[in-house]
Amino acid sequence: MNVGIPGEDREPAAPQRYGAGRVAKWLLAAVGAALAYLAAQVAALVAIELALPASDTDRLAFVATAASLALAVLWWRRLRPTARLRREVARPSRPERRVLLTCVLLVLGLVLQVTLSIVLTMVLTLFPEVMEFYLELMELAGISGPTDLVTLIDIAVLAPIAEEAICRGVALEFCLRATCPEPRPEARGDVPTARFWAANVAQALIFAVMHLNIVQGAYAFALGLLLGWVVRRTGRLRFAALLHMAVNASSELMDVLDPLLGGVLVPTLVVGSLVSAALIWGVARLTAEPPADADTV
């Protein structure tokens, strides 16, 4: 805190200059957050392997996610009070609109999962070697095949919360510091659209690279852009986490839906794309700024 000298006339502080060095510093900080997140997982895996060499693979993944979750949430809680996109009142402000937004996000997560799965199936069919590598990777990670309760909680609850805290929380905040001037407290949340999207693309790219393979990275990038936009529209990380949970949880339904969609992939893709666009438009409407003269009582 700066303490002024009584009676002293102070000139206004000069605006901060955002040169290439300052931009690079905050972008590197965002990358460092992702590396710290992955390092927490590796450290947890090594520790549990040393303590319990015969540990089940699913339990190892759960412990690794829990470790990264603790790091991400604690880090984000420290940054949140001065975050660029933080708002004193979340949008939408009315309870009934929040309930409706929650329902829209849950349905959007399901539709996105089906649509992305169809796109993935159609594209990977053209590249058999890539598909084989991807399926082996999913099996190694314990994502393919029957899913027990521990794995389901890991994939559908812990991982989305952890990834939102580190990517749409910590990493996006650092990227925004790279693209936006240092705000005064009363100006927080007033982020220019172009600068937000520059930061959002950067954090989505980091989110994609964190998956460590090109297949998951491709759709993670697209999903990361959408999740960052949800945070901007709502002013709260929880709505992005809810959508992320819906997408991940819906993956468990694909084993049931795949046989039903086998002969109608293209029509389902078209319908899924249109429904996704309509639901995203619904999110935009539900999170729109209320008119200045609207009754807020």
Protein backbone atom coordinates (compact mmCIF):
# COMPACT_ATOMS: atom_id res chain seq x y z
CA MET A 1 0.00 0.00 0.00
CA ASN A 2 1.34 3.46 -0.90
CA VAL A 3 1.14 6.10 1.82
CA GLY A 4 1.01 9.71 0.65
CA ILE A 5 2.62 12.67 2.38
CA PRO A 6 0.02 15.15 3.67
CA GLY A 7 -0.09 18.32 1.59
CA GLU A 8 2.05 16.84 -1.19
CA ASP A 9 0.74 17.23 -4.73
CA ARG A 10 1.23 13.99 -6.58
CA GLU A 11 1.09 13.61 -10.30
CA PRO A 12 -0.98 10.76 -11.72
CA ALA A 13 0.90 7.55 -12.13
CA ALA A 14 2.14 6.94 -15.63
CA PRO A 15 0.41 4.10 -17.43
CA GLN A 16 2.33 0.86 -17.49
CA ARG A 17 4.13 0.02 -20.70
CA TYR A 18 3.46 -3.40 -22.09
CA GLY A 19 6.54 -4.24 -24.10
CA ALA A 20 7.52 -7.61 -25.49
CA GLY A 21 9.38 -8.48 -22.28
CA ARG A 22 6.34 -8.01 -20.06
CA VAL A 23 4.10 -9.97 -22.44
CA ALA A 24 6.65 -12.79 -22.60
CA LYS A 25 6.95 -12.85 -18.80
CA TRP A 26 3.23 -13.45 -18.25
CA LEU A 27 2.94 -15.94 -21.09
CA LEU A 28 5.83 -17.89 -19.61
CA ALA A 29 4.07 -17.73 -16.24
CA ALA A 30 0.98 -19.30 -17.86
CA VAL A 31 3.10 -22.07 -19.37
CA GLY A 32 4.81 -22.51 -16.01
CA ALA A 33 1.42 -23.00 -14.34
CA ALA A 34 0.65 -25.84 -16.74
CA LEU A 35 4.06 -27.41 -16.12
CA ALA A 36 3.58 -27.14 -12.36
CA TYR A 37 0.19 -28.83 -12.74
CA LEU A 38 1.72 -31.75 -14.66
CA ALA A 39 4.66 -31.90 -12.23
CA ALA A 40 2.25 -32.25 -9.30
CA GLN A 41 0.71 -35.28 -11.02
CA VAL A 42 4.10 -36.86 -11.71
CA ALA A 43 5.28 -36.24 -8.14
CA ALA A 44 2.12 -37.82 -6.74
CA LEU A 45 2.53 -40.85 -9.02
CA VAL A 46 6.17 -41.33 -8.00
CA ALA A 47 5.36 -40.95 -4.30
CA ILE A 48 2.51 -43.46 -4.35
CA GLU A 49 4.55 -45.92 -6.43
CA LEU A 50 7.38 -45.77 -3.92
CA ALA A 51 5.01 -46.16 -0.98
CA LEU A 52 2.73 -48.78 -2.55
CA PRO A 53 4.48 -50.47 -5.49
CA ALA A 54 1.51 -52.73 -6.31
CA SER A 55 -1.06 -49.93 -6.45
CA ASP A 56 -3.95 -50.21 -8.90
CA THR A 57 -3.59 -48.02 -12.01
CA ASP A 58 -7.00 -46.41 -11.52
CA ARG A 59 -6.12 -45.44 -7.96
CA LEU A 60 -2.82 -43.99 -9.13
CA ALA A 61 -4.62 -41.76 -11.61
CA PHE A 62 -7.06 -40.66 -8.91
CA VAL A 63 -4.23 -39.68 -6.54
CA ALA A 64 -2.40 -37.82 -9.33
CA THR A 65 -5.53 -35.84 -10.21
CA ALA A 66 -6.18 -35.07 -6.54
CA ALA A 67 -2.65 -33.68 -6.18
CA SER A 68 -3.01 -31.43 -9.22
CA LEU A 69 -6.47 -30.38 -8.02
CA ALA A 70 -5.07 -29.20 -4.67
CA LEU A 71 -2.35 -27.18 -6.41
CA ALA A 72 -4.72 -25.63 -8.96
CA VAL A 73 -7.47 -24.68 -6.52
CA LEU A 74 -5.11 -23.15 -3.95
CA TRP A 75 -3.31 -21.18 -6.66
CA TRP A 76 -6.55 -19.91 -8.17
CA ARG A 77 -7.96 -18.91 -4.76
CA ARG A 78 -4.90 -16.74 -4.27
CA LEU A 79 -5.27 -15.06 -7.67
CA ARG A 80 -9.06 -14.74 -7.75
CA PRO A 81 -9.47 -11.50 -5.73
CA THR A 82 -7.55 -9.54 -8.39
CA ALA A 83 -8.55 -11.56 -11.45
CA ARG A 84 -9.30 -9.62 -14.63
CA LEU A 85 -12.60 -11.39 -15.37
CA ARG A 86 -13.88 -11.47 -11.80
CA ARG A 87 -17.24 -9.75 -11.25
CA GLU A 88 -18.93 -8.87 -7.98
CA VAL A 89 -22.22 -10.31 -9.29
CA ALA A 90 -22.24 -13.36 -11.52
CA ARG A 91 -24.33 -13.34 -14.67
CA PRO A 92 -27.12 -14.23 -14.84
CA SER A 93 -28.00 -12.60 -11.52
CA ARG A 94 -31.50 -14.03 -11.08
CA PRO A 95 -31.77 -17.54 -9.52
CA GLU A 96 -34.22 -18.86 -12.11
CA ARG A 97 -31.91 -17.82 -14.95
CA ARG A 98 -28.95 -19.48 -13.21
CA VAL A 99 -30.94 -22.71 -12.98
CA LEU A 100 -31.81 -22.47 -16.67
CA LEU A 101 -28.18 -21.73 -17.53
CA THR A 102 -27.12 -24.81 -15.56
CA CYS A 103 -29.54 -26.99 -17.53
CA VAL A 104 -28.39 -25.52 -20.85
CA LEU A 105 -24.74 -26.17 -20.00
CA LEU A 106 -25.44 -29.77 -19.00
CA VAL A 107 -27.26 -30.46 -22.27
CA LEU A 108 -24.57 -28.63 -24.21
CA GLY A 109 -21.93 -30.87 -22.65
CA LEU A 110 -23.77 -34.00 -23.81
CA VAL A 111 -24.35 -32.67 -27.34
CA LEU A 112 -20.73 -31.54 -27.65
CA GLN A 113 -19.47 -34.94 -26.56
CA VAL A 114 -21.59 -36.73 -29.17
CA THR A 115 -20.65 -34.24 -31.90
CA LEU A 116 -16.92 -34.28 -31.12
CA SER A 117 -16.93 -38.09 -30.90
CA ILE A 118 -18.45 -38.32 -34.38
CA VAL A 119 -15.91 -35.87 -35.80
CA LEU A 120 -13.11 -37.84 -34.13
CA THR A 121 -14.41 -41.14 -35.52
CA MET A 122 -14.74 -39.78 -39.05
CA VAL A 123 -11.30 -38.15 -39.05
CA LEU A 124 -9.39 -41.01 -37.41
CA THR A 125 -10.87 -43.50 -39.86
CA LEU A 126 -8.76 -41.77 -42.49
CA PHE A 127 -5.61 -42.29 -40.40
CA PRO A 128 -5.60 -45.89 -39.05
CA GLU A 129 -2.16 -45.61 -37.45
CA VAL A 130 -3.14 -42.48 -35.56
CA MET A 131 -6.38 -44.16 -34.44
CA GLU A 132 -4.48 -47.22 -33.19
CA PHE A 133 -2.03 -45.04 -31.25
CA TYR A 134 -4.90 -43.00 -29.78
CA LEU A 135 -6.83 -46.09 -28.65
CA GLU A 136 -3.70 -47.56 -27.06
CA LEU A 137 -3.11 -44.27 -25.26
CA MET A 138 -6.68 -44.21 -23.95
CA GLU A 139 -6.36 -47.80 -22.75
CA LEU A 140 -3.07 -47.02 -21.02
CA ALA A 141 -4.70 -44.06 -19.29
CA GLY A 142 -7.59 -46.25 -18.16
CA ILE A 143 -10.15 -44.17 -20.06
CA SER A 144 -11.32 -46.85 -22.48
CA GLY A 145 -13.14 -50.00 -21.41
CA PRO A 146 -15.30 -50.52 -18.31
CA THR A 147 -15.15 -47.65 -15.84
CA ASP A 148 -15.37 -48.15 -12.09
CA LEU A 149 -16.62 -45.54 -9.63
CA VAL A 150 -13.16 -44.24 -8.76
CA THR A 151 -12.27 -43.66 -12.41
CA LEU A 152 -15.64 -42.03 -13.08
CA ILE A 153 -15.16 -39.58 -10.20
CA ASP A 154 -11.65 -38.86 -11.46
CA ILE A 155 -12.71 -38.22 -15.07
CA ALA A 156 -16.08 -36.54 -14.50
CA VAL A 157 -15.49 -34.52 -11.32
CA LEU A 158 -11.91 -34.07 -10.14
CA ALA A 159 -10.19 -33.59 -13.51
CA PRO A 160 -12.64 -30.96 -14.82
CA ILE A 161 -12.40 -28.90 -11.62
CA ALA A 162 -8.61 -29.15 -11.57
CA GLU A 163 -8.23 -28.26 -15.25
CA GLU A 164 -10.62 -25.32 -15.02
CA ALA A 165 -8.80 -23.93 -11.98
CA ILE A 166 -5.39 -24.15 -13.65
CA CYS A 167 -6.34 -23.29 -17.27
CA ARG A 168 -9.39 -21.00 -17.17
CA GLY A 169 -8.29 -19.75 -13.77
CA VAL A 170 -4.53 -19.39 -13.32
CA ALA A 171 -3.32 -19.67 -16.95
CA LEU A 172 -6.05 -17.43 -18.39
CA GLU A 173 -5.38 -14.82 -15.71
CA PHE A 174 -1.67 -14.78 -16.57
CA CYS A 175 -2.48 -14.57 -20.29
CA LEU A 176 -4.80 -11.65 -19.59
CA ARG A 177 -2.02 -9.91 -17.70
CA ALA A 178 0.05 -10.31 -20.86
CA THR A 179 -2.61 -8.75 -23.08
CA CYS A 180 -4.29 -6.19 -20.80
CA PRO A 181 -2.99 -3.15 -18.90
CA GLU A 182 -2.77 -3.44 -15.14
CA PRO A 183 -6.29 -2.51 -13.98
CA ARG A 184 -7.31 -0.45 -11.00
CA PRO A 185 -9.61 -2.34 -8.58
CA GLU A 186 -12.67 -0.41 -9.69
CA ALA A 187 -11.97 -1.27 -13.32
CA ARG A 188 -11.51 -5.01 -12.87
CA GLY A 189 -13.48 -7.14 -15.29
CA ASP A 190 -13.51 -4.51 -18.05
CA VAL A 191 -11.42 -6.50 -20.52
CA PRO A 192 -11.50 -5.43 -24.21
CA THR A 193 -12.89 -8.15 -26.46
CA ALA A 194 -9.88 -8.41 -28.78
CA ARG A 195 -7.46 -8.67 -25.86
CA PHE A 196 -9.62 -11.27 -24.16
CA TRP A 197 -9.62 -13.47 -27.26
CA ALA A 198 -5.85 -13.15 -27.62
CA ALA A 199 -5.49 -14.40 -24.04
CA ASN A 200 -8.19 -17.02 -24.54
CA VAL A 201 -6.44 -18.49 -27.58
CA ALA A 202 -3.18 -18.65 -25.61
CA GLN A 203 -4.73 -20.49 -22.66
CA ALA A 204 -6.62 -22.87 -24.98
CA LEU A 205 -3.35 -23.70 -26.73
CA ILE A 206 -1.73 -24.41 -23.36
CA PHE A 207 -4.72 -26.59 -22.44
CA ALA A 208 -4.29 -28.51 -25.71
CA VAL A 209 -0.55 -29.10 -25.24
CA MET A 210 -1.17 -30.31 -21.66
CA HIS A 211 -2.93 -33.39 -23.09
CA LEU A 212 0.41 -34.47 -24.61
CA ASN A 213 -1.06 -35.96 -27.80
CA ILE A 214 -2.29 -34.38 -31.00
CA VAL A 215 -5.72 -36.08 -31.07
CA GLN A 216 -6.87 -34.99 -27.62
CA GLY A 217 -5.05 -31.71 -28.07
CA ALA A 218 -7.07 -30.82 -31.16
CA TYR A 219 -10.49 -31.05 -29.52
CA ALA A 220 -9.13 -29.76 -26.20
CA PHE A 221 -8.14 -26.55 -27.98
CA ALA A 222 -11.66 -26.02 -29.34
CA LEU A 223 -13.23 -26.88 -25.99
CA GLY A 224 -10.77 -24.60 -24.18
CA LEU A 225 -11.87 -21.64 -26.30
CA LEU A 226 -15.51 -22.30 -25.42
CA LEU A 227 -14.79 -22.75 -21.72
CA GLY A 228 -12.82 -19.49 -21.60
CA TRP A 229 -15.73 -17.72 -23.28
CA VAL A 230 -18.12 -19.16 -20.66
CA VAL A 231 -15.94 -17.72 -17.89
CA ARG A 232 -16.02 -14.31 -19.58
CA ARG A 233 -19.79 -14.40 -20.03
CA THR A 234 -20.62 -15.57 -16.51
CA GLY A 235 -17.76 -14.10 -14.49
CA ARG A 236 -17.48 -17.40 -12.61
CA LEU A 237 -15.25 -20.44 -13.04
CA ARG A 238 -17.94 -22.77 -11.72
CA PHE A 239 -20.03 -22.59 -14.89
CA ALA A 240 -17.06 -23.59 -17.05
CA ALA A 241 -16.33 -26.44 -14.64
CA LEU A 242 -19.96 -27.58 -14.91
CA LEU A 243 -19.79 -27.67 -18.72
CA HIS A 244 -16.45 -29.49 -18.56
CA MET A 245 -17.94 -32.06 -16.17
CA ALA A 246 -20.88 -32.62 -18.51
CA VAL A 247 -18.56 -33.20 -21.48
CA ASN A 248 -16.36 -35.67 -19.58
CA ALA A 249 -19.23 -37.51 -17.92
CA SER A 250 -21.03 -37.89 -21.26
CA SER A 251 -18.05 -39.81 -22.63
CA GLU A 252 -19.28 -42.75 -20.58
CA LEU A 253 -22.46 -42.82 -22.70
CA MET A 254 -20.61 -43.21 -25.98
CA ASP A 255 -20.19 -46.98 -25.58
CA VAL A 256 -23.97 -47.19 -25.61
CA LEU A 257 -24.54 -44.58 -28.32
CA ASP A 258 -21.82 -45.68 -30.77
CA PRO A 259 -23.72 -48.74 -32.10
CA LEU A 260 -26.88 -46.64 -32.53
CA LEU A 261 -25.08 -43.91 -34.47
CA GLY A 262 -23.11 -46.20 -36.77
CA GLY A 263 -25.25 -45.67 -39.86
CA VAL A 264 -26.29 -42.07 -39.27
CA LEU A 265 -23.03 -40.32 -38.46
CA VAL A 266 -23.38 -37.49 -40.95
CA PRO A 267 -27.02 -36.59 -40.12
CA THR A 268 -26.22 -36.80 -36.40
CA LEU A 269 -23.18 -34.58 -36.91
CA VAL A 270 -25.28 -31.96 -38.71
CA VAL A 271 -28.02 -32.04 -36.04
CA GLY A 272 -25.43 -32.00 -33.23
CA SER A 273 -23.66 -28.99 -34.74
CA LEU A 274 -26.91 -27.06 -35.10
CA VAL A 275 -28.07 -27.92 -31.59
CA SER A 276 -24.66 -26.98 -30.17
CA ALA A 277 -24.82 -23.60 -31.91
CA ALA A 278 -28.35 -23.03 -30.60
CA LEU A 279 -27.33 -23.92 -27.04
CA ILE A 280 -24.27 -21.64 -27.19
CA TRP A 281 -26.57 -18.85 -28.40
CA GLY A 282 -28.80 -19.65 -25.41
CA VAL A 283 -25.84 -19.27 -23.06
CA ALA A 284 -25.09 -15.88 -24.64
CA ARG A 285 -28.69 -14.75 -24.14
CA LEU A 286 -28.86 -15.95 -20.54
CA THR A 287 -25.61 -14.16 -19.67
CA ALA A 288 -26.31 -10.92 -21.53
CA GLU A 289 -25.97 -7.67 -19.61
CA PRO A 290 -29.42 -6.52 -18.39
CA PRO A 291 -30.69 -3.20 -19.79
CA ALA A 292 -29.65 -0.16 -17.75
CA ASP A 293 -33.28 0.60 -16.86
CA ALA A 294 -34.22 -3.02 -16.07
CA ASP A 295 -35.93 -3.80 -12.80
CA THR A 296 -33.34 -5.58 -10.67
CA VAL A 297 -35.38 -5.90 -7.50
